[in-house]
């Protein structure tokens, strides 16, 4: 693996203490474009279900890569 795709999701301003550039940046751990698209879609699905919890954990710096 010489390269890996990443997923970046900008956090909503209203939930992230009005910091306009707060974002999550996660490795998709693949160098295959089709796998990257599928993994990003799954990540965004989970994010949509748990948006408030993720944003608050990120704002309090209580979000580990495993989470």
N, C-alpha and C. Protein backbone atom coordinates (compact mmCIF):
# COMPACT_ATOMS: atom_id res chain seq x y z
N UNK A 1 0.84 -1.20 0.00
CA UNK A 1 0.00 0.00 0.00
C UNK A 1 0.87 1.25 0.00
N UNK A 2 0.94 1.92 -1.11
CA UNK A 2 1.72 3.14 -1.17
C UNK A 2 0.92 4.38 -0.84
N UNK A 3 -0.37 4.27 -0.87
CA UNK A 3 -1.24 5.42 -0.60
C UNK A 3 -2.48 4.91 0.11
N UNK A 4 -3.17 5.80 0.74
CA UNK A 4 -4.43 5.43 1.40
C UNK A 4 -5.41 6.58 1.22
N UNK A 5 -6.64 6.24 1.01
CA UNK A 5 -7.68 7.26 0.90
C UNK A 5 -8.12 7.69 2.30
N UNK A 6 -8.59 8.92 2.37
CA UNK A 6 -9.07 9.48 3.63
C UNK A 6 -10.46 10.06 3.44
N UNK A 7 -11.16 10.21 4.54
CA UNK A 7 -12.49 10.82 4.54
C UNK A 7 -12.42 12.03 5.45
N UNK A 8 -12.88 13.16 4.96
CA UNK A 8 -12.93 14.37 5.78
C UNK A 8 -14.38 14.83 5.86
N UNK A 9 -14.84 15.08 7.06
CA UNK A 9 -16.21 15.55 7.28
C UNK A 9 -16.16 16.82 8.11
N UNK A 10 -16.61 17.91 7.53
CA UNK A 10 -16.67 19.17 8.27
C UNK A 10 -17.79 19.08 9.31
N UNK A 11 -17.48 19.50 10.52
CA UNK A 11 -18.47 19.46 11.60
C UNK A 11 -19.37 20.69 11.52
N UNK A 12 -20.63 20.52 11.90
CA UNK A 12 -21.55 21.66 11.84
C UNK A 12 -21.13 22.77 12.80
N UNK A 13 -21.21 23.98 12.33
CA UNK A 13 -20.80 25.13 13.12
C UNK A 13 -21.60 25.26 14.42
N UNK A 14 -22.88 25.03 14.36
CA UNK A 14 -23.75 25.20 15.53
C UNK A 14 -23.41 24.23 16.65
N UNK A 15 -22.91 23.07 16.30
CA UNK A 15 -22.61 22.06 17.32
C UNK A 15 -21.15 22.05 17.74
N UNK A 16 -20.30 22.72 17.01
CA UNK A 16 -18.87 22.65 17.32
C UNK A 16 -18.33 23.95 17.90
N UNK A 17 -19.11 24.58 18.76
CA UNK A 17 -18.72 25.81 19.43
C UNK A 17 -18.33 26.91 18.45
N UNK A 18 -19.04 26.95 17.32
CA UNK A 18 -18.87 27.99 16.30
C UNK A 18 -17.47 28.03 15.68
N UNK A 19 -16.76 26.94 15.74
CA UNK A 19 -15.47 26.85 15.05
C UNK A 19 -15.74 26.41 13.62
N UNK A 20 -15.54 27.29 12.69
CA UNK A 20 -15.95 27.01 11.31
C UNK A 20 -15.11 25.96 10.62
N UNK A 21 -13.90 25.72 11.09
CA UNK A 21 -13.05 24.78 10.38
C UNK A 21 -12.83 23.46 11.12
N UNK A 22 -13.66 23.13 12.07
CA UNK A 22 -13.54 21.85 12.76
C UNK A 22 -13.97 20.74 11.82
N UNK A 23 -13.15 19.70 11.77
CA UNK A 23 -13.51 18.58 10.91
C UNK A 23 -12.89 17.30 11.43
N UNK A 24 -13.51 16.20 11.04
CA UNK A 24 -12.96 14.88 11.32
C UNK A 24 -12.20 14.44 10.08
N UNK A 25 -11.05 13.86 10.26
CA UNK A 25 -10.23 13.40 9.15
C UNK A 25 -9.80 11.98 9.48
N UNK A 26 -10.32 11.02 8.75
CA UNK A 26 -10.09 9.61 9.06
C UNK A 26 -9.52 8.86 7.87
N UNK A 27 -8.58 7.98 8.14
CA UNK A 27 -8.05 7.11 7.10
C UNK A 27 -9.08 6.03 6.79
N UNK A 28 -9.26 5.74 5.53
CA UNK A 28 -10.17 4.67 5.12
C UNK A 28 -9.42 3.34 5.02
N UNK A 29 -8.12 3.38 5.24
CA UNK A 29 -7.27 2.19 5.28
C UNK A 29 -7.38 1.31 4.04
N UNK A 30 -7.42 1.95 2.91
CA UNK A 30 -7.42 1.23 1.64
C UNK A 30 -6.82 2.11 0.55
N UNK A 31 -6.24 1.46 -0.44
CA UNK A 31 -5.74 2.20 -1.59
C UNK A 31 -6.57 1.91 -2.84
N UNK A 32 -7.67 1.21 -2.65
CA UNK A 32 -8.56 0.87 -3.75
C UNK A 32 -9.73 1.86 -3.81
N UNK A 33 -9.92 2.54 -4.93
CA UNK A 33 -10.97 3.57 -5.01
C UNK A 33 -12.38 3.05 -4.68
N UNK A 34 -12.76 1.90 -5.19
CA UNK A 34 -14.11 1.39 -4.94
C UNK A 34 -14.31 1.07 -3.46
N UNK A 35 -13.31 0.46 -2.84
CA UNK A 35 -13.39 0.19 -1.39
C UNK A 35 -13.47 1.49 -0.61
N UNK A 36 -12.73 2.50 -1.02
CA UNK A 36 -12.74 3.79 -0.33
C UNK A 36 -14.13 4.42 -0.37
N UNK A 37 -14.78 4.36 -1.51
CA UNK A 37 -16.13 4.92 -1.64
C UNK A 37 -17.10 4.18 -0.71
N UNK A 38 -17.02 2.87 -0.68
CA UNK A 38 -17.91 2.07 0.18
C UNK A 38 -17.66 2.37 1.66
N UNK A 39 -16.39 2.45 2.05
CA UNK A 39 -16.06 2.71 3.45
C UNK A 39 -16.47 4.12 3.86
N UNK A 40 -16.29 5.08 2.98
CA UNK A 40 -16.71 6.45 3.28
C UNK A 40 -18.22 6.53 3.45
N UNK A 41 -18.95 5.82 2.61
CA UNK A 41 -20.42 5.81 2.72
C UNK A 41 -20.85 5.22 4.06
N UNK A 42 -20.20 4.14 4.47
CA UNK A 42 -20.55 3.53 5.77
C UNK A 42 -20.22 4.48 6.92
N UNK A 43 -19.06 5.13 6.84
CA UNK A 43 -18.69 6.09 7.89
C UNK A 43 -19.69 7.23 7.98
N UNK A 44 -20.10 7.76 6.84
CA UNK A 44 -21.05 8.87 6.84
C UNK A 44 -22.42 8.45 7.35
N UNK A 45 -22.79 7.21 7.10
CA UNK A 45 -24.06 6.69 7.63
C UNK A 45 -24.03 6.66 9.16
N UNK A 46 -22.94 6.16 9.71
CA UNK A 46 -22.79 6.14 11.17
C UNK A 46 -22.74 7.56 11.72
N UNK A 47 -22.01 8.43 11.04
CA UNK A 47 -21.92 9.82 11.48
C UNK A 47 -23.31 10.47 11.55
N UNK A 48 -24.13 10.26 10.53
CA UNK A 48 -25.46 10.86 10.52
C UNK A 48 -26.31 10.39 11.69
N UNK A 49 -26.17 9.11 12.05
CA UNK A 49 -26.95 8.58 13.18
C UNK A 49 -26.45 9.11 14.52
N UNK A 50 -25.16 9.39 14.63
CA UNK A 50 -24.57 9.74 15.92
C UNK A 50 -23.92 11.13 15.90
N UNK A 51 -24.41 12.02 15.07
CA UNK A 51 -23.77 13.31 14.86
C UNK A 51 -23.53 14.09 16.14
N UNK A 52 -24.54 14.25 16.97
CA UNK A 52 -24.37 15.06 18.18
C UNK A 52 -23.32 14.47 19.11
N UNK A 53 -23.35 13.16 19.32
CA UNK A 53 -22.39 12.52 20.20
C UNK A 53 -20.96 12.68 19.67
N UNK A 54 -20.80 12.51 18.37
CA UNK A 54 -19.47 12.62 17.76
C UNK A 54 -18.95 14.05 17.86
N UNK A 55 -19.79 15.02 17.57
CA UNK A 55 -19.36 16.42 17.61
C UNK A 55 -19.00 16.83 19.03
N UNK A 56 -19.81 16.45 20.00
CA UNK A 56 -19.50 16.81 21.39
C UNK A 56 -18.24 16.12 21.87
N UNK A 57 -18.03 14.87 21.51
CA UNK A 57 -16.80 14.16 21.88
C UNK A 57 -15.59 14.80 21.22
N UNK A 58 -15.73 15.22 19.98
CA UNK A 58 -14.64 15.89 19.27
C UNK A 58 -14.33 17.23 19.92
N UNK A 59 -15.35 17.99 20.27
CA UNK A 59 -15.15 19.30 20.88
C UNK A 59 -14.48 19.20 22.24
N UNK A 60 -14.78 18.15 22.99
CA UNK A 60 -14.17 17.97 24.30
C UNK A 60 -12.87 17.18 24.22
N UNK A 61 -12.42 16.89 23.01
CA UNK A 61 -11.21 16.13 22.73
C UNK A 61 -11.24 14.78 23.43
N UNK A 62 -12.41 14.19 23.42
CA UNK A 62 -12.63 12.88 24.06
C UNK A 62 -12.94 11.83 23.01
N UNK A 63 -12.46 12.03 21.79
CA UNK A 63 -12.75 11.13 20.68
C UNK A 63 -11.44 10.49 20.21
N UNK A 64 -11.34 9.18 20.42
CA UNK A 64 -10.12 8.50 20.01
C UNK A 64 -10.31 7.94 18.60
N UNK A 65 -9.24 7.63 17.91
CA UNK A 65 -9.37 7.04 16.56
C UNK A 65 -10.21 5.76 16.55
N UNK A 66 -10.16 4.99 17.61
CA UNK A 66 -10.94 3.76 17.67
C UNK A 66 -12.44 4.04 17.74
N UNK A 67 -12.79 5.16 18.38
CA UNK A 67 -14.21 5.52 18.49
C UNK A 67 -14.76 5.89 17.13
